[in-house]
Amino acid sequence: MIVIRDATPTDRPALFDVWLRSVRATHSFLSESDVELLAPLVRDYLASDATEFRVACDGSGAPIGFMGLSRTADEVESMFLAPERLRRGIGRALLDDARSRRPGVAWTVSVNEANDAARRFYEAVGFVVTGRSERDAAGRPFPLLHLRLDDAPLIERLARPASDADVRALARLLAEIVESGAAVSFVAPLSLERAEAFWRDVLAQPESRVVVLVARESGRIVGTVQLHPAWAPNQPDRAEIAKLLVERDRRGRGLGEKLMRAAEDVALRSGWKLLTLDAKRGEAAERLYRRLGWIHAGTIPRYALDPDGRAWHDAVILYKELAARGAAE
């Protein structure tokens, strides 16, 4: 079992030992004299408050790897693993920890060009090479490769007409969400055909009736939310939020919050200063909305069926005023 925690001052000797053994095992391009010159600099680095150090420990609590994250930038400054623990998922676990602590950021890292194993590792988890430097940060003749992991999905307004690929992706997302037990109007099992028909009906409406936002990663839709302007002539500044959906593997990374904030931005630019929505009482979605400043207006008991089609659930009605509203103009 791997446990990842913050480093403490008492960890520094063990972390230095991990660094030293790792470098000697993997950095064949460094001579022993190079390593001896680097050693005091590494000791100072491990004592620095400018870096956030996360430590991977084994079942006994002994450090077996660590990662240094910049406190002022979204940069992986360092990662070193005990040589006997290589290729056991510890590096991925450390990166997943960083991504969960700072969701939705574009991580960067620099590796020695001669360290082919490090490059292959970062590329395997999604980093891409964006540049090269002839010398390292200290000006030594060790070329560096600069890599970037774009963990921030692109959120955009889905243009009409939507492509068949996007409609199918939205259908798969909806069916997955229903299957996971989320209350989003449908009863399980939801076939892809029915889900696709739903989305085609939604997207057949003009944007004046429904705005669909999607989040993409590498071009693929991984989340969505809708804005429905009120149809009533006496509610010109109100819209309703609907169908906030996030792919299961992307949950817990702040994507739902980003979609909601994007929806609020669209609403403000469109003149919709009052937003409303309903959600199943007690679920994660309700907690998200409340955290984002939505106000509870009331609860309706036995509002809708759960996806199993058997149990009824209560719904909370929430609203949020995005700007002060005076007399109608």
Protein backbone atom coordinates (compact mmCIF):
# COMPACT_ATOMS: atom_id res chain seq x y z
CA MET A 1 0.00 0.00 0.00
CA ILE A 2 1.32 3.43 -0.98
CA VAL A 3 0.56 6.46 1.18
CA ILE A 4 1.26 9.96 -0.13
CA ARG A 5 1.67 12.78 2.36
CA ASP A 6 3.38 16.13 2.89
CA ALA A 7 7.10 15.98 3.63
CA THR A 8 8.35 16.96 7.08
CA PRO A 9 11.83 18.18 8.11
CA THR A 10 12.57 14.75 9.55
CA ASP A 11 12.11 13.23 6.08
CA ARG A 12 15.03 15.14 4.56
CA PRO A 13 17.77 12.55 5.16
CA ALA A 14 15.57 9.79 3.70
CA LEU A 15 14.61 11.95 0.70
CA PHE A 16 18.25 12.76 0.07
CA ASP A 17 19.02 9.05 0.15
CA VAL A 18 16.24 8.40 -2.38
CA TRP A 19 17.64 11.14 -4.64
CA LEU A 20 21.21 9.84 -4.38
CA ARG A 21 20.35 6.22 -5.12
CA SER A 22 17.96 7.21 -7.90
CA VAL A 23 20.50 9.44 -9.64
CA ARG A 24 23.25 6.84 -9.41
CA ALA A 25 20.93 4.20 -10.87
CA THR A 26 19.29 6.22 -13.66
CA HIS A 27 21.46 9.25 -14.52
CA SER A 28 24.30 7.51 -16.35
CA PHE A 29 25.19 10.78 -18.08
CA LEU A 30 26.38 12.19 -14.73
CA SER A 31 29.81 11.33 -13.41
CA GLU A 32 30.37 10.62 -9.73
CA SER A 33 32.06 14.01 -9.41
CA ASP A 34 28.92 15.61 -10.91
CA VAL A 35 26.83 13.86 -8.30
CA GLU A 36 29.12 15.02 -5.49
CA LEU A 37 28.88 18.61 -6.74
CA LEU A 38 25.08 18.39 -6.84
CA ALA A 39 24.70 16.82 -3.38
CA PRO A 40 24.93 20.02 -1.25
CA LEU A 41 22.59 21.83 -3.67
CA VAL A 42 20.04 19.04 -3.32
CA ARG A 43 20.26 19.18 0.48
CA ASP A 44 19.50 22.92 0.33
CA TYR A 45 16.67 22.29 -2.14
CA LEU A 46 15.03 19.72 0.15
CA ALA A 47 15.08 22.29 2.97
CA SER A 48 13.51 25.03 0.85
CA ASP A 49 10.07 26.44 1.66
CA ALA A 50 9.65 27.51 -1.97
CA THR A 51 8.79 23.95 -2.98
CA GLU A 52 5.91 21.75 -1.89
CA PHE A 53 7.26 18.25 -1.34
CA ARG A 54 4.97 15.21 -1.45
CA VAL A 55 6.33 11.90 -0.21
CA ALA A 56 5.30 8.39 -1.25
CA CYS A 57 5.68 5.92 1.63
CA ASP A 58 5.44 2.14 1.80
CA GLY A 59 3.33 0.21 4.29
CA SER A 60 5.90 0.77 7.05
CA GLY A 61 5.86 4.54 6.50
CA ALA A 62 9.33 4.66 4.95
CA PRO A 63 9.77 7.13 2.04
CA ILE A 64 10.22 5.37 -1.29
CA GLY A 65 9.83 8.37 -3.57
CA PHE A 66 9.05 12.07 -3.61
CA MET A 67 7.92 14.87 -5.86
CA GLY A 68 8.63 18.59 -5.62
CA LEU A 69 5.97 21.04 -6.82
CA SER A 70 6.56 24.74 -7.29
CA ARG A 71 4.46 26.88 -4.97
CA THR A 72 4.40 29.75 -7.47
CA ALA A 73 3.79 27.88 -10.74
CA ASP A 74 2.14 24.69 -11.95
CA GLU A 75 5.49 22.98 -12.35
CA VAL A 76 6.75 19.56 -11.35
CA GLU A 77 10.23 20.57 -10.24
CA SER A 78 11.45 17.10 -9.33
CA MET A 79 10.50 13.46 -8.97
CA PHE A 80 12.76 10.72 -7.70
CA LEU A 81 11.94 7.13 -6.83
CA ALA A 82 13.91 4.48 -4.99
CA PRO A 83 15.53 2.33 -7.74
CA GLU A 84 14.03 -0.87 -6.38
CA ARG A 85 10.56 0.70 -6.66
CA LEU A 86 10.68 1.70 -10.32
CA ARG A 87 7.85 0.62 -12.65
CA ARG A 88 5.44 -0.07 -9.80
CA GLY A 89 3.04 2.83 -10.32
CA ILE A 90 4.56 5.15 -7.72
CA GLY A 91 5.35 7.91 -10.21
CA ARG A 92 1.80 7.81 -11.57
CA ALA A 93 0.43 7.87 -8.03
CA LEU A 94 2.46 10.99 -7.21
CA LEU A 95 1.25 12.72 -10.39
CA ASP A 96 -2.37 11.74 -9.71
CA ASP A 97 -1.96 13.22 -6.23
CA ALA A 98 -0.72 16.50 -7.71
CA ARG A 99 -3.58 16.60 -10.22
CA SER A 100 -6.17 16.00 -7.51
CA ARG A 101 -4.68 18.74 -5.30
CA ARG A 102 -4.61 21.28 -8.14
CA PRO A 103 -7.32 20.20 -10.56
CA GLY A 104 -7.55 21.52 -14.09
CA VAL A 105 -4.06 23.00 -14.41
CA ALA A 106 -1.51 22.66 -17.20
CA TRP A 107 1.46 21.00 -15.49
CA THR A 108 4.97 21.51 -16.85
CA VAL A 109 8.19 19.58 -16.21
CA SER A 110 11.74 19.67 -17.51
CA VAL A 111 13.89 16.53 -17.82
CA ASN A 112 17.44 15.92 -18.90
CA GLU A 113 17.47 15.06 -22.58
CA ALA A 114 19.79 12.16 -21.83
CA ASN A 115 17.33 10.71 -19.30
CA ASP A 116 15.30 8.77 -21.84
CA ALA A 117 13.43 6.76 -19.18
CA ALA A 118 12.07 9.95 -17.58
CA ARG A 119 10.96 11.29 -20.94
CA ARG A 120 9.16 8.03 -21.76
CA PHE A 121 7.43 8.07 -18.37
CA TYR A 122 6.09 11.59 -18.75
CA GLU A 123 4.99 11.02 -22.33
CA ALA A 124 3.19 7.82 -21.22
CA VAL A 125 1.06 9.82 -18.78
CA GLY A 126 0.16 12.50 -21.33
CA PHE A 127 2.95 15.07 -21.34
CA VAL A 128 4.17 16.40 -24.68
CA VAL A 129 7.51 18.00 -25.50
CA THR A 130 7.13 21.73 -26.06
CA GLY A 131 10.75 22.91 -26.19
CA ARG A 132 14.43 22.29 -25.56
CA SER A 133 17.26 24.13 -23.81
CA GLU A 134 20.96 23.56 -24.47
CA ARG A 135 21.82 23.99 -20.78
CA ASP A 136 20.12 23.22 -17.50
CA ALA A 137 18.78 25.85 -15.09
CA ALA A 138 22.22 26.31 -13.52
CA GLY A 139 23.87 26.86 -16.90
CA ARG A 140 25.56 23.47 -17.03
CA PRO A 141 25.93 21.71 -20.41
CA PHE A 142 23.10 19.25 -19.80
CA PRO A 143 20.34 19.82 -22.40
CA LEU A 144 16.78 19.86 -21.08
CA LEU A 145 13.49 18.90 -22.67
CA HIS A 146 10.47 20.93 -21.57
CA LEU A 147 7.14 19.09 -21.42
CA ARG A 148 3.57 20.11 -20.71
CA LEU A 149 0.47 18.24 -19.55
CA ASP A 150 -2.69 20.11 -20.46
CA ASP A 151 -5.06 18.97 -17.73
CA ALA A 152 -7.42 21.88 -18.27
CA PRO A 153 -10.32 20.88 -20.54
CA LEU A 154 -11.41 23.37 -23.17
CA ILE A 155 -14.94 24.57 -22.43
CA GLU A 156 -16.82 25.89 -25.42
CA ARG A 157 -20.28 26.61 -26.72
CA LEU A 158 -21.38 23.70 -28.92
CA ALA A 159 -21.97 25.05 -32.38
CA ARG A 160 -25.00 24.07 -34.45
CA PRO A 161 -25.38 21.85 -36.30
CA ALA A 162 -23.48 19.48 -34.03
CA SER A 163 -21.41 16.77 -35.66
CA ASP A 164 -22.57 13.16 -35.49
CA ALA A 165 -19.43 12.36 -33.46
CA ASP A 166 -20.33 14.99 -30.86
CA VAL A 167 -23.93 13.78 -30.63
CA ARG A 168 -22.74 10.21 -30.10
CA ALA A 169 -20.24 11.38 -27.46
CA LEU A 170 -22.96 13.27 -25.59
CA ALA A 171 -25.21 10.20 -25.80
CA ARG A 172 -22.50 7.96 -24.34
CA LEU A 173 -21.88 10.46 -21.56
CA LEU A 174 -25.57 10.66 -20.65
CA ALA A 175 -25.99 6.86 -20.69
CA GLU A 176 -22.90 6.46 -18.48
CA ILE A 177 -24.20 9.02 -15.98
CA VAL A 178 -27.60 7.34 -15.75
CA GLU A 179 -25.95 3.93 -15.31
CA SER A 180 -23.84 5.35 -12.46
CA GLY A 181 -27.03 6.20 -10.54
CA ALA A 182 -27.26 9.95 -11.07
CA ALA A 183 -30.70 11.53 -11.20
CA VAL A 184 -30.76 13.31 -14.57
CA SER A 185 -34.35 12.70 -15.75
CA PHE A 186 -33.88 9.16 -17.10
CA VAL A 187 -34.40 5.65 -15.76
CA ALA A 188 -31.78 2.95 -16.26
CA PRO A 189 -30.90 1.27 -18.47
CA LEU A 190 -30.75 4.11 -20.96
CA SER A 191 -29.94 2.87 -24.46
CA LEU A 192 -27.51 4.80 -26.61
CA GLU A 193 -30.24 5.12 -29.25
CA ARG A 194 -32.60 6.82 -26.83
CA ALA A 195 -29.83 9.01 -25.42
CA GLU A 196 -28.85 10.06 -28.93
CA ALA A 197 -32.46 10.89 -29.77
CA PHE A 198 -32.64 13.08 -26.67
CA TRP A 199 -29.57 15.04 -27.71
CA ARG A 200 -30.74 15.43 -31.29
CA ASP A 201 -34.00 16.92 -29.97
CA VAL A 202 -32.07 19.31 -27.72
CA LEU A 203 -29.68 20.38 -30.46
CA ALA A 204 -32.51 20.85 -32.97
CA GLN A 205 -33.64 23.85 -30.90
CA PRO A 206 -32.14 27.25 -31.71
CA GLU A 207 -29.51 28.67 -29.38
CA SER A 208 -32.07 31.26 -28.31
CA ARG A 209 -33.90 28.37 -26.60
CA VAL A 210 -31.00 26.29 -25.28
CA VAL A 211 -27.27 26.89 -24.96
CA VAL A 212 -25.12 23.75 -24.69
CA LEU A 213 -21.60 24.03 -23.28
CA VAL A 214 -19.16 21.15 -23.59
CA ALA A 215 -15.77 20.41 -22.03
CA ARG A 216 -13.24 18.73 -24.30
CA GLU A 217 -9.99 16.94 -23.63
CA SER A 218 -7.93 16.24 -26.75
CA GLY A 219 -11.06 17.04 -28.75
CA ARG A 220 -13.21 14.50 -26.89
CA ILE A 221 -16.30 15.61 -24.92
CA VAL A 222 -15.89 14.79 -21.21
CA GLY A 223 -18.51 17.10 -19.70
CA THR A 224 -21.48 19.32 -20.54
CA VAL A 225 -24.09 21.67 -19.09
CA GLN A 226 -27.13 23.43 -20.56
CA LEU A 227 -28.70 26.88 -20.16
CA HIS A 228 -32.41 27.24 -20.93
CA PRO A 229 -33.66 30.84 -21.12
CA ALA A 230 -37.10 31.28 -19.57
CA TRP A 231 -39.81 31.20 -22.20
CA ALA A 232 -42.16 33.55 -20.31
CA PRO A 233 -42.18 37.16 -21.57
CA ASN A 234 -42.29 38.44 -17.98
CA GLN A 235 -39.03 36.62 -17.07
CA PRO A 236 -36.56 38.16 -19.53
CA ASP A 237 -33.54 37.88 -17.25
CA ARG A 238 -33.96 34.30 -16.00
CA ALA A 239 -32.49 31.05 -17.29
CA GLU A 240 -32.41 27.51 -15.97
CA ILE A 241 -29.35 25.30 -15.58
CA ALA A 242 -29.83 21.68 -16.66
CA LYS A 243 -27.91 18.46 -17.31
CA LEU A 244 -24.57 19.14 -15.65
CA LEU A 245 -22.76 15.93 -16.66
CA VAL A 246 -19.13 15.00 -16.05
CA GLU A 247 -17.46 11.79 -17.17
CA ARG A 248 -16.84 9.48 -14.22
CA ASP A 249 -13.06 9.40 -14.71
CA ARG A 250 -12.94 13.21 -14.65
CA ARG A 251 -14.87 13.72 -11.41
CA GLY A 252 -13.13 15.20 -8.41
CA ARG A 253 -10.91 17.40 -10.58
CA GLY A 254 -12.99 20.58 -10.55
CA LEU A 255 -14.55 20.13 -13.99
CA GLY A 256 -18.13 20.46 -12.73
CA GLU A 257 -17.23 23.75 -11.08
CA LYS A 258 -15.55 25.00 -14.26
CA LEU A 259 -18.62 24.14 -16.33
CA MET A 260 -20.89 25.95 -13.87
CA ARG A 261 -18.71 29.04 -13.86
CA ALA A 262 -18.62 29.00 -17.66
CA ALA A 263 -22.42 28.76 -17.70
CA GLU A 264 -22.66 31.75 -15.34
CA ASP A 265 -20.33 33.74 -17.62
CA VAL A 266 -22.51 32.96 -20.65
CA ALA A 267 -25.62 33.90 -18.68
CA LEU A 268 -24.22 37.28 -17.68
CA ARG A 269 -23.14 38.08 -21.23
CA SER A 270 -26.62 37.10 -22.43
CA GLY A 271 -28.40 39.28 -19.88
CA TRP A 272 -29.69 36.39 -17.73
CA LYS A 273 -29.05 37.65 -14.22
CA LEU A 274 -31.14 35.08 -12.35
CA LEU A 275 -30.39 31.37 -12.65
CA THR A 276 -32.44 28.52 -11.23
CA LEU A 277 -32.06 24.75 -11.07
CA ASP A 278 -33.27 21.65 -9.30
CA ALA A 279 -31.18 18.77 -7.97
CA LYS A 280 -31.64 15.57 -6.03
CA ARG A 281 -31.48 16.37 -2.32
CA GLY A 282 -28.32 15.29 -0.54
CA GLU A 283 -26.26 14.41 -3.61
CA ALA A 284 -22.81 15.70 -4.61
CA ALA A 285 -24.35 18.09 -7.13
CA GLU A 286 -26.29 19.90 -4.41
CA ARG A 287 -23.08 20.31 -2.37
CA LEU A 288 -21.30 21.73 -5.41
CA TYR A 289 -24.06 24.26 -6.09
CA ARG A 290 -24.19 25.42 -2.48
CA ARG A 291 -20.40 25.81 -2.43
CA LEU A 292 -20.67 28.01 -5.52
CA GLY A 293 -23.08 30.35 -3.77
CA TRP A 294 -26.44 28.99 -4.88
CA ILE A 295 -29.29 29.64 -2.44
CA HIS A 296 -31.80 27.04 -1.33
CA ALA A 297 -35.35 28.19 -2.09
CA GLY A 298 -37.19 25.05 -1.01
CA THR A 299 -37.52 21.29 -1.20
CA ILE A 300 -40.14 19.30 -3.07
CA PRO A 301 -40.75 15.84 -1.60
CA ARG A 302 -41.02 12.79 -3.84
CA TYR A 303 -40.17 14.90 -6.87
CA ALA A 304 -38.87 12.19 -9.21
CA LEU A 305 -37.85 8.57 -9.43
CA ASP A 306 -34.28 7.41 -8.95
CA PRO A 307 -32.63 5.79 -12.00
CA ASP A 308 -33.68 2.37 -10.68
CA GLY A 309 -37.29 3.38 -11.39
CA ARG A 310 -38.42 2.33 -7.89
CA ALA A 311 -37.51 4.82 -5.17
CA TRP A 312 -38.66 8.42 -5.12
CA HIS A 313 -36.30 11.24 -4.18
CA ASP A 314 -36.76 14.80 -2.96
CA ALA A 315 -35.55 17.73 -5.05
CA VAL A 316 -33.98 20.95 -3.83
CA ILE A 317 -34.77 24.16 -5.73
CA LEU A 318 -31.81 26.52 -5.88
CA TYR A 319 -31.23 29.95 -7.37
CA LYS A 320 -28.38 32.38 -7.88
CA GLU A 321 -28.50 36.08 -8.70
CA LEU A 322 -25.53 36.99 -10.85
CA ALA A 323 -26.12 40.74 -10.73
CA ALA A 324 -28.45 43.21 -9.08
CA ARG A 325 -31.79 43.49 -10.81
CA GLY A 326 -33.89 46.61 -10.81
CA ALA A 327 -37.04 47.61 -12.63
CA ALA A 328 -37.54 46.13 -16.09
CA GLU A 329 -36.13 48.36 -18.81
